[in-house]
PDB file of N, CA and C in Angstrom:
ATOM      1  N   THR A   1      -8.047   6.025  -2.081  1.00  0.00           N
ATOM      2  CA  THR A   1      -8.266   5.550  -0.651  1.00  0.00           C
ATOM      3  C   THR A   1      -9.767   6.047  -0.492  1.00  0.00           C
ATOM      4  N   GLU A   2      -9.969   7.038  -0.761  1.00  0.00           N
ATOM      5  CA  GLU A   2     -11.395   7.875  -0.558  1.00  0.00           C
ATOM      6  C   GLU A   2     -12.366   7.033  -1.261  1.00  0.00           C
ATOM      7  N   LEU A   3     -12.175   6.622  -2.616  1.00  0.00           N
ATOM      8  CA  LEU A   3     -13.386   5.881  -3.195  1.00  0.00           C
ATOM      9  C   LEU A   3     -13.328   4.779  -2.702  1.00  0.00           C
ATOM     10  N   ILE A   4     -12.331   3.915  -2.123  1.00  0.00           N
ATOM     11  CA  ILE A   4     -12.672   2.517  -1.470  1.00  0.00           C
ATOM     12  C   ILE A   4     -13.681   2.691  -0.347  1.00  0.00           C
ATOM     13  N   GLU A   5     -13.149   4.013   0.608  1.00  0.00           N
ATOM     14  CA  GLU A   5     -13.884   4.046   1.883  1.00  0.00           C
ATOM     15  C   GLU A   5     -15.215   4.415   1.456  1.00  0.00           C
ATOM     16  N   GLU A   6     -15.882   4.887   0.104  1.00  0.00           N
ATOM     17  CA  GLU A   6     -16.934   5.106  -0.070  1.00  0.00           C
ATOM     18  C   GLU A   6     -17.714   4.166  -0.980  1.00  0.00           C
ATOM     19  N   ARG A   7     -16.738   3.014  -0.932  1.00  0.00           N
ATOM     20  CA  ARG A   7     -17.401   1.839  -1.463  1.00  0.00           C
ATOM     21  C   ARG A   7     -17.817   1.968  -3.113  1.00  0.00           C
ATOM     22  N   ASN A   8     -17.067   2.833  -3.708  1.00  0.00           N
ATOM     23  CA  ASN A   8     -17.000   3.108  -4.944  1.00  0.00           C
ATOM     24  C   ASN A   8     -15.977   2.257  -5.772  1.00  0.00           C
ATOM     25  N   TYR A   9     -16.186   1.286  -5.788  1.00  0.00           N
ATOM     26  CA  TYR A   9     -15.165   0.380  -6.199  1.00  0.00           C
ATOM     27  C   TYR A   9     -14.561   0.251  -7.603  1.00  0.00           C
ATOM     28  N   ASP A  10     -15.937   0.623  -8.442  1.00  0.00           N
ATOM     29  CA  ASP A  10     -15.612   0.573 -10.052  1.00  0.00           C
ATOM     30  C   ASP A  10     -14.565   2.063 -10.263  1.00  0.00           C
ATOM     31  N   GLU A  11     -14.788   3.005  -9.647  1.00  0.00           N
ATOM     32  CA  GLU A  11     -14.026   3.953  -9.924  1.00  0.00           C
ATOM     33  C   GLU A  11     -13.044   4.177  -9.254  1.00  0.00           C
ATOM     34  N   ALA A  12     -12.687   3.479  -8.160  1.00  0.00           N
ATOM     35  CA  ALA A  12     -11.470   3.217  -7.557  1.00  0.00           C
ATOM     36  C   ALA A  12     -10.532   2.235  -8.533  1.00  0.00           C
ATOM     37  N   ALA A  13     -10.957   1.283  -8.955  1.00  0.00           N
ATOM     38  CA  ALA A  13     -10.430   0.742  -9.911  1.00  0.00           C
ATOM     39  C   ALA A  13      -9.942   1.252 -11.344  1.00  0.00           C
ATOM     40  N   ARG A  14     -10.706   2.191 -11.774  1.00  0.00           N
ATOM     41  CA  ARG A  14     -10.261   2.951 -12.882  1.00  0.00           C
ATOM     42  C   ARG A  14      -9.041   3.844 -12.614  1.00  0.00           C
ATOM     43  N   VAL A  15      -9.062   4.220 -11.402  1.00  0.00           N
ATOM     44  CA  VAL A  15      -8.068   5.150 -10.909  1.00  0.00           C
ATOM     45  C   VAL A  15      -6.536   4.286 -10.634  1.00  0.00           C
ATOM     46  N   LEU A  16      -6.752   3.061 -10.148  1.00  0.00           N
ATOM     47  CA  LEU A  16      -5.707   2.384  -9.806  1.00  0.00           C
ATOM     48  C   LEU A  16      -5.222   1.430 -10.724  1.00  0.00           C
ATOM     49  N   GLU A  17      -5.975   1.111 -11.905  1.00  0.00           N
ATOM     50  CA  GLU A  17      -5.289   0.085 -12.796  1.00  0.00           C
ATOM     51  C   GLU A  17      -4.118   0.872 -13.592  1.00  0.00           C
ATOM     52  N   PRO A  18      -4.373   2.077 -14.056  1.00  0.00           N
ATOM     53  CA  PRO A  18      -3.180   2.796 -14.772  1.00  0.00           C
ATOM     54  C   PRO A  18      -1.930   2.882 -13.665  1.00  0.00           C
ATOM     55  N   LEU A  19      -2.149   3.201 -12.516  1.00  0.00           N
ATOM     56  CA  LEU A  19      -0.877   3.197 -11.681  1.00  0.00           C
ATOM     57  C   LEU A  19      -0.372   2.055 -11.607  1.00  0.00           C
ATOM     58  N   ALA A  20      -1.277   0.863 -11.291  1.00  0.00           N
ATOM     59  CA  ALA A  20      -0.530  -0.523 -11.338  1.00  0.00           C
ATOM     60  C   ALA A  20       0.295  -0.993 -12.410  1.00  0.00           C
ATOM     61  N   ALA A  21      -0.239  -0.563 -13.792  1.00  0.00           N
ATOM     62  CA  ALA A  21       0.000  -0.664 -14.781  1.00  0.00           C
ATOM     63  C   ALA A  21       1.655  -0.138 -15.202  1.00  0.00           C
ATOM     64  N   ASN A  22       1.664   1.105 -14.557  1.00  0.00           N
ATOM     65  CA  ASN A  22       2.801   2.048 -15.174  1.00  0.00           C
ATOM     66  C   ASN A  22       3.947   2.017 -13.884  1.00  0.00           C
ATOM     67  N   VAL A  23       3.730   1.789 -12.695  1.00  0.00           N
ATOM     68  CA  VAL A  23       4.490   1.750 -11.500  1.00  0.00           C
ATOM     69  C   VAL A  23       4.832   0.333 -11.261  1.00  0.00           C
ATOM     70  N   PRO A  24       5.883  -0.399 -11.452  1.00  0.00           N
ATOM     71  CA  PRO A  24       5.989  -1.751 -11.171  1.00  0.00           C
ATOM     72  C   PRO A  24       6.052  -2.255  -9.765  1.00  0.00           C
ATOM     73  N   ASN A  25       6.472  -1.406  -8.846  1.00  0.00           N
ATOM     74  CA  ASN A  25       6.577  -1.808  -7.561  1.00  0.00           C
ATOM     75  C   ASN A  25       5.650  -1.256  -6.602  1.00  0.00           C
ATOM     76  N   LEU A  26       4.763  -0.595  -6.951  1.00  0.00           N
ATOM     77  CA  LEU A  26       3.646   0.040  -6.205  1.00  0.00           C
ATOM     78  C   LEU A  26       2.785  -1.006  -5.598  1.00  0.00           C
ATOM     79  N   PHE A  27       2.978  -1.389  -4.370  1.00  0.00           N
ATOM     80  CA  PHE A  27       2.309  -2.336  -3.831  1.00  0.00           C
ATOM     81  C   PHE A  27       0.891  -2.101  -3.548  1.00  0.00           C
ATOM     82  N   ARG A  28       0.652  -0.763  -2.792  1.00  0.00           N
ATOM     83  CA  ARG A  28      -0.803  -0.183  -2.347  1.00  0.00           C
ATOM     84  C   ARG A  28      -1.732  -0.227  -3.630  1.00  0.00           C
ATOM     85  N   ALA A  29      -1.385   0.035  -4.878  1.00  0.00           N
ATOM     86  CA  ALA A  29      -2.223  -0.043  -6.189  1.00  0.00           C
ATOM     87  C   ALA A  29      -2.521  -1.424  -6.209  1.00  0.00           C
ATOM     88  N   ARG A  30      -1.780  -2.396  -6.031  1.00  0.00           N
ATOM     89  CA  ARG A  30      -2.365  -3.683  -6.344  1.00  0.00           C
ATOM     90  C   ARG A  30      -3.006  -4.271  -5.432  1.00  0.00           C
ATOM     91  N   LEU A  31      -2.828  -4.092  -4.010  1.00  0.00           N
ATOM     92  CA  LEU A  31      -3.573  -4.435  -2.960  1.00  0.00           C
ATOM     93  C   LEU A  31      -4.996  -4.203  -2.999  1.00  0.00           C
ATOM     94  N   ASN A  32      -5.081  -2.525  -3.383  1.00  0.00           N
ATOM     95  CA  ASN A  32      -6.375  -1.957  -3.286  1.00  0.00           C
ATOM     96  C   ASN A  32      -7.244  -2.512  -4.587  1.00  0.00           C
ATOM     97  N   LEU A  33      -6.310  -2.711  -5.505  1.00  0.00           N
ATOM     98  CA  LEU A  33      -7.260  -3.410  -6.725  1.00  0.00           C
ATOM     99  C   LEU A  33      -7.674  -4.655  -6.341  1.00  0.00           C
ATOM    100  N   GLY A  34      -6.783  -5.784  -5.613  1.00  0.00           N
ATOM    101  CA  GLY A  34      -7.426  -6.933  -5.348  1.00  0.00           C
ATOM    102  C   GLY A  34      -8.672  -6.698  -4.321  1.00  0.00           C
ATOM    103  N   LEU A  35      -8.775  -5.657  -3.559  1.00  0.00           N
ATOM    104  CA  LEU A  35      -9.748  -5.569  -2.667  1.00  0.00           C
ATOM    105  C   LEU A  35     -10.858  -5.121  -3.519  1.00  0.00           C
ATOM    106  N   CYS A  36     -10.788  -4.157  -4.291  1.00  0.00           N
ATOM    107  CA  CYS A  36     -11.728  -3.669  -5.361  1.00  0.00           C
ATOM    108  C   CYS A  36     -12.678  -4.906  -5.821  1.00  0.00           C
ATOM    109  N   ARG A  37     -11.678  -5.747  -6.642  1.00  0.00           N
ATOM    110  CA  ARG A  37     -12.171  -7.008  -7.196  1.00  0.00           C
ATOM    111  C   ARG A  37     -12.894  -7.857  -6.478  1.00  0.00           C
ATOM    112  N   LEU A  38     -12.240  -8.130  -5.187  1.00  0.00           N
ATOM    113  CA  LEU A  38     -12.974  -8.762  -4.198  1.00  0.00           C
ATOM    114  C   LEU A  38     -14.316  -8.431  -4.206  1.00  0.00           C
ATOM    115  N   GLN A  39     -14.773  -7.141  -3.978  1.00  0.00           N
ATOM    116  CA  GLN A  39     -15.791  -6.370  -3.420  1.00  0.00           C
ATOM    117  C   GLN A  39     -16.854  -6.522  -4.772  1.00  0.00           C
ATOM    118  N   GLN A  40     -16.288  -6.496  -5.873  1.00  0.00           N
ATOM    119  CA  GLN A  40     -17.026  -6.608  -7.346  1.00  0.00           C
ATOM    120  C   GLN A  40     -17.445  -8.037  -7.496  1.00  0.00           C
ATOM    121  N   ASP A  41     -16.588  -9.123  -6.606  1.00  0.00           N
ATOM    122  CA  ASP A  41     -16.797 -10.689  -6.825  1.00  0.00           C
ATOM    123  C   ASP A  41     -16.209 -10.911  -8.055  1.00  0.00           C
ATOM    124  N   ASN A  42     -15.285 -10.474  -8.492  1.00  0.00           N
ATOM    125  CA  ASN A  42     -14.411 -10.791  -9.848  1.00  0.00           C
ATOM    126  C   ASN A  42     -13.269 -11.380  -8.999  1.00  0.00           C
ATOM    127  N   PHE A  43     -13.381 -12.744  -8.396  1.00  0.00           N
ATOM    128  CA  PHE A  43     -12.148 -13.377  -7.793  1.00  0.00           C
ATOM    129  C   PHE A  43     -10.998 -13.638  -8.812  1.00  0.00           C
ATOM    130  N   GLU A  44     -11.101 -13.839  -9.887  1.00  0.00           N
ATOM    131  CA  GLU A  44     -10.028 -14.130 -10.879  1.00  0.00           C
ATOM    132  C   GLU A  44      -8.985 -13.113 -10.799  1.00  0.00           C
ATOM    133  N   ASP A  45      -9.672 -11.878 -10.931  1.00  0.00           N
ATOM    134  CA  ASP A  45      -8.914 -10.591 -11.212  1.00  0.00           C
ATOM    135  C   ASP A  45      -8.110 -10.321  -9.948  1.00  0.00           C
ATOM    136  N   ALA A  46      -9.239 -10.415  -8.836  1.00  0.00           N
ATOM    137  CA  ALA A  46      -8.426 -10.080  -7.327  1.00  0.00           C
ATOM    138  C   ALA A  46      -7.439 -11.120  -7.261  1.00  0.00           C
ATOM    139  N   ALA A  47      -7.280 -12.394  -7.392  1.00  0.00           N
ATOM    140  CA  ALA A  47      -6.268 -13.123  -7.260  1.00  0.00           C
ATOM    141  C   ALA A  47      -5.029 -12.545  -8.026  1.00  0.00           C
ATOM    142  N   ARG A  48      -5.248 -12.282  -9.226  1.00  0.00           N
ATOM    143  CA  ARG A  48      -4.138 -11.875 -10.021  1.00  0.00           C
ATOM    144  C   ARG A  48      -3.493 -10.767  -9.172  1.00  0.00           C
ATOM    145  N   TRP A  49      -4.228  -9.790  -8.944  1.00  0.00           N
ATOM    146  CA  TRP A  49      -3.669  -8.349  -8.359  1.00  0.00           C
ATOM    147  C   TRP A  49      -3.031  -8.554  -7.042  1.00  0.00           C
ATOM    148  N   LEU A  50      -3.421  -9.540  -6.186  1.00  0.00           N
ATOM    149  CA  LEU A  50      -3.238  -9.853  -5.007  1.00  0.00           C
ATOM    150  C   LEU A  50      -1.667 -10.623  -5.000  1.00  0.00           C
ATOM    151  N   GLU A  51      -1.618 -11.442  -6.050  1.00  0.00           N
ATOM    152  CA  GLU A  51      -0.575 -12.137  -6.358  1.00  0.00           C
ATOM    153  C   GLU A  51       0.711 -11.180  -6.599  1.00  0.00           C
ATOM    154  N   GLN A  52       0.474 -10.223  -7.271  1.00  0.00           N
ATOM    155  CA  GLN A  52       1.304  -9.147  -7.868  1.00  0.00           C
ATOM    156  C   GLN A  52       1.737  -8.410  -6.752  1.00  0.00           C
ATOM    157  N   ALA A  53       0.821  -8.259  -5.684  1.00  0.00           N
ATOM    158  CA  ALA A  53       0.899  -7.375  -4.431  1.00  0.00           C
ATOM    159  C   ALA A  53       2.079  -8.079  -3.475  1.00  0.00           C
ATOM    160  N   LEU A  54       1.828  -9.491  -3.697  1.00  0.00           N
ATOM    161  CA  LEU A  54       2.668 -10.295  -2.713  1.00  0.00           C
ATOM    162  C   LEU A  54       3.964 -10.460  -3.413  1.00  0.00           C
ATOM    163  N   GLU A  55       4.033 -10.309  -4.592  1.00  0.00           N
ATOM    164  CA  GLU A  55       5.377 -10.230  -5.345  1.00  0.00           C
ATOM    165  C   GLU A  55       6.294  -8.925  -4.868  1.00  0.00           C
ATOM    166  N   VAL A  56       5.659  -7.808  -4.787  1.00  0.00           N
ATOM    167  CA  VAL A  56       6.229  -6.718  -4.175  1.00  0.00           C
ATOM    168  C   VAL A  56       6.652  -6.808  -2.406  1.00  0.00           C
ATOM    169  N   ASP A  57       5.525  -7.178  -2.089  1.00  0.00           N
ATOM    170  CA  ASP A  57       5.842  -7.291  -0.248  1.00  0.00           C
ATOM    171  C   ASP A  57       5.429  -9.021   0.059  1.00  0.00           C
ATOM    172  N   PRO A  58       6.241  -9.693  -0.037  1.00  0.00           N
ATOM    173  CA  PRO A  58       5.743 -11.294   0.175  1.00  0.00           C
ATOM    174  C   PRO A  58       5.440 -11.383   1.866  1.00  0.00           C
ATOM    175  N   ASN A  59       5.714 -10.235   2.544  1.00  0.00           N
ATOM    176  CA  ASN A  59       5.234 -10.564   4.115  1.00  0.00           C
ATOM    177  C   ASN A  59       3.808  -9.766   4.096  1.00  0.00           C
ATOM    178  N   SER A  60       3.430  -9.426   3.394  1.00  0.00           N
ATOM    179  CA  SER A  60       1.875  -8.715   3.607  1.00  0.00           C
ATOM    180  C   SER A  60       0.714  -9.748   4.044  1.00  0.00           C
ATOM    181  N   ASP A  61       0.590  -9.295   5.331  1.00  0.00           N
ATOM    182  CA  ASP A  61      -0.455 -10.500   6.181  1.00  0.00           C
ATOM    183  C   ASP A  61      -1.755  -9.972   5.180  1.00  0.00           C
ATOM    184  N   ARG A  62      -2.333  -8.856   5.037  1.00  0.00           N
ATOM    185  CA  ARG A  62      -3.384  -8.472   4.402  1.00  0.00           C
ATOM    186  C   ARG A  62      -3.683  -9.064   2.982  1.00  0.00           C
ATOM    187  N   ALA A  63      -2.440  -8.943   2.165  1.00  0.00           N
ATOM    188  CA  ALA A  63      -2.570  -9.387   0.853  1.00  0.00           C
ATOM    189  C   ALA A  63      -2.684 -10.999   0.847  1.00  0.00           C
ATOM    190  N   HIS A  64      -2.155 -11.854   1.768  1.00  0.00           N
ATOM    191  CA  HIS A  64      -2.112 -12.966   1.916  1.00  0.00           C
ATOM    192  C   HIS A  64      -3.757 -13.487   2.347  1.00  0.00           C
ATOM    193  N   ASP A  65      -4.204 -12.745   3.373  1.00  0.00           N
ATOM    194  CA  ASP A  65      -5.532 -13.024   3.752  1.00  0.00           C
ATOM    195  C   ASP A  65      -6.591 -12.948   2.498  1.00  0.00           C
ATOM    196  N   MET A  66      -6.429 -11.617   1.972  1.00  0.00           N
ATOM    197  CA  MET A  66      -7.356 -11.498   0.839  1.00  0.00           C
ATOM    198  C   MET A  66      -6.963 -12.538  -0.245  1.00  0.00           C
ATOM    199  N   LEU A  67      -5.871 -13.014  -0.623  1.00  0.00           N
ATOM    200  CA  LEU A  67      -5.451 -13.831  -1.788  1.00  0.00           C
ATOM    201  C   LEU A  67      -6.369 -15.213  -1.320  1.00  0.00           C
ATOM    202  N   GLY A  68      -5.939 -15.390   0.109  1.00  0.00           N
ATOM    203  CA  GLY A  68      -6.859 -16.948   0.524  1.00  0.00           C
ATOM    204  C   GLY A  68      -8.230 -16.722   0.388  1.00  0.00           C
ATOM    205  N   PHE A  69      -8.809 -15.431   0.510  1.00  0.00           N
ATOM    206  CA  PHE A  69     -10.286 -15.429   0.357  1.00  0.00           C
ATOM    207  C   PHE A  69     -10.560 -15.781  -1.093  1.00  0.00           C
ATOM    208  N   ALA A  70      -9.966 -15.092  -2.119  1.00  0.00           N
ATOM    209  CA  ALA A  70     -10.305 -15.218  -3.528  1.00  0.00           C
ATOM    210  C   ALA A  70     -10.180 -16.608  -3.898  1.00  0.00           C
ATOM    211  N   CYS A  71      -9.132 -17.100  -3.434  1.00  0.00           N
ATOM    212  CA  CYS A  71      -8.843 -18.528  -3.803  1.00  0.00           C
ATOM    213  C   CYS A  71      -9.938 -19.489  -3.239  1.00  0.00           C
ATOM    214  N   LEU A  72     -10.321 -19.449  -2.056  1.00  0.00           N
ATOM    215  CA  LEU A  72     -11.780 -20.024  -1.591  1.00  0.00           C
ATOM    216  C   LEU A  72     -12.547 -19.946  -2.507  1.00  0.00           C
ATOM    217  N   LYS A  73     -13.102 -18.480  -2.689  1.00  0.00           N
ATOM    218  CA  LYS A  73     -14.161 -18.305  -3.718  1.00  0.00           C
ATOM    219  C   LYS A  73     -14.147 -19.024  -4.977  1.00  0.00           C
ATOM    220  N   LEU A  74     -12.947 -19.401  -5.364  1.00  0.00           N
ATOM    221  CA  LEU A  74     -12.474 -19.808  -6.951  1.00  0.00           C
ATOM    222  C   LEU A  74     -12.394 -21.314  -6.878  1.00  0.00           C
ATOM    223  N   LYS A  75     -12.638 -21.846  -5.366  1.00  0.00           N
ATOM    224  CA  LYS A  75     -12.374 -23.261  -5.074  1.00  0.00           C
ATOM    225  C   LYS A  75     -10.896 -23.860  -5.432  1.00  0.00           C
ATOM    226  N   ASP A  76      -9.893 -22.920  -5.437  1.00  0.00           N
ATOM    227  CA  ASP A  76      -8.542 -23.167  -5.814  1.00  0.00           C
ATOM    228  C   ASP A  76      -7.796 -23.384  -4.187  1.00  0.00           C
ATOM    229  N   LEU A  77      -7.847 -24.549  -3.735  1.00  0.00           N
ATOM    230  CA  LEU A  77      -7.464 -25.005  -2.374  1.00  0.00           C
ATOM    231  C   LEU A  77      -5.910 -25.348  -2.419  1.00  0.00           C
ATOM    232  N   ASP A  78      -5.450 -25.310  -3.600  1.00  0.00           N
ATOM    233  CA  ASP A  78      -3.971 -25.610  -3.760  1.00  0.00           C
ATOM    234  C   ASP A  78      -3.113 -24.399  -3.386  1.00  0.00           C
TER     235      ASP A  78
END
């Protein structure tokens, strides 16, 4: 969280990826990875992580909002 607050998205993603890979239901890691990837303009990867976050918590407004933004950037309007 501190790395994201400092806008150090590369380092935050390096910390979060192993957590998300090894802890299947860790919503926050997937959500924050999605945020990092959005900030890095990596919209495909952002969408992938945010979809995984929504598998864990399908009611997350924030994940839905960020996924919608990623999809807009990808011109994936379906």
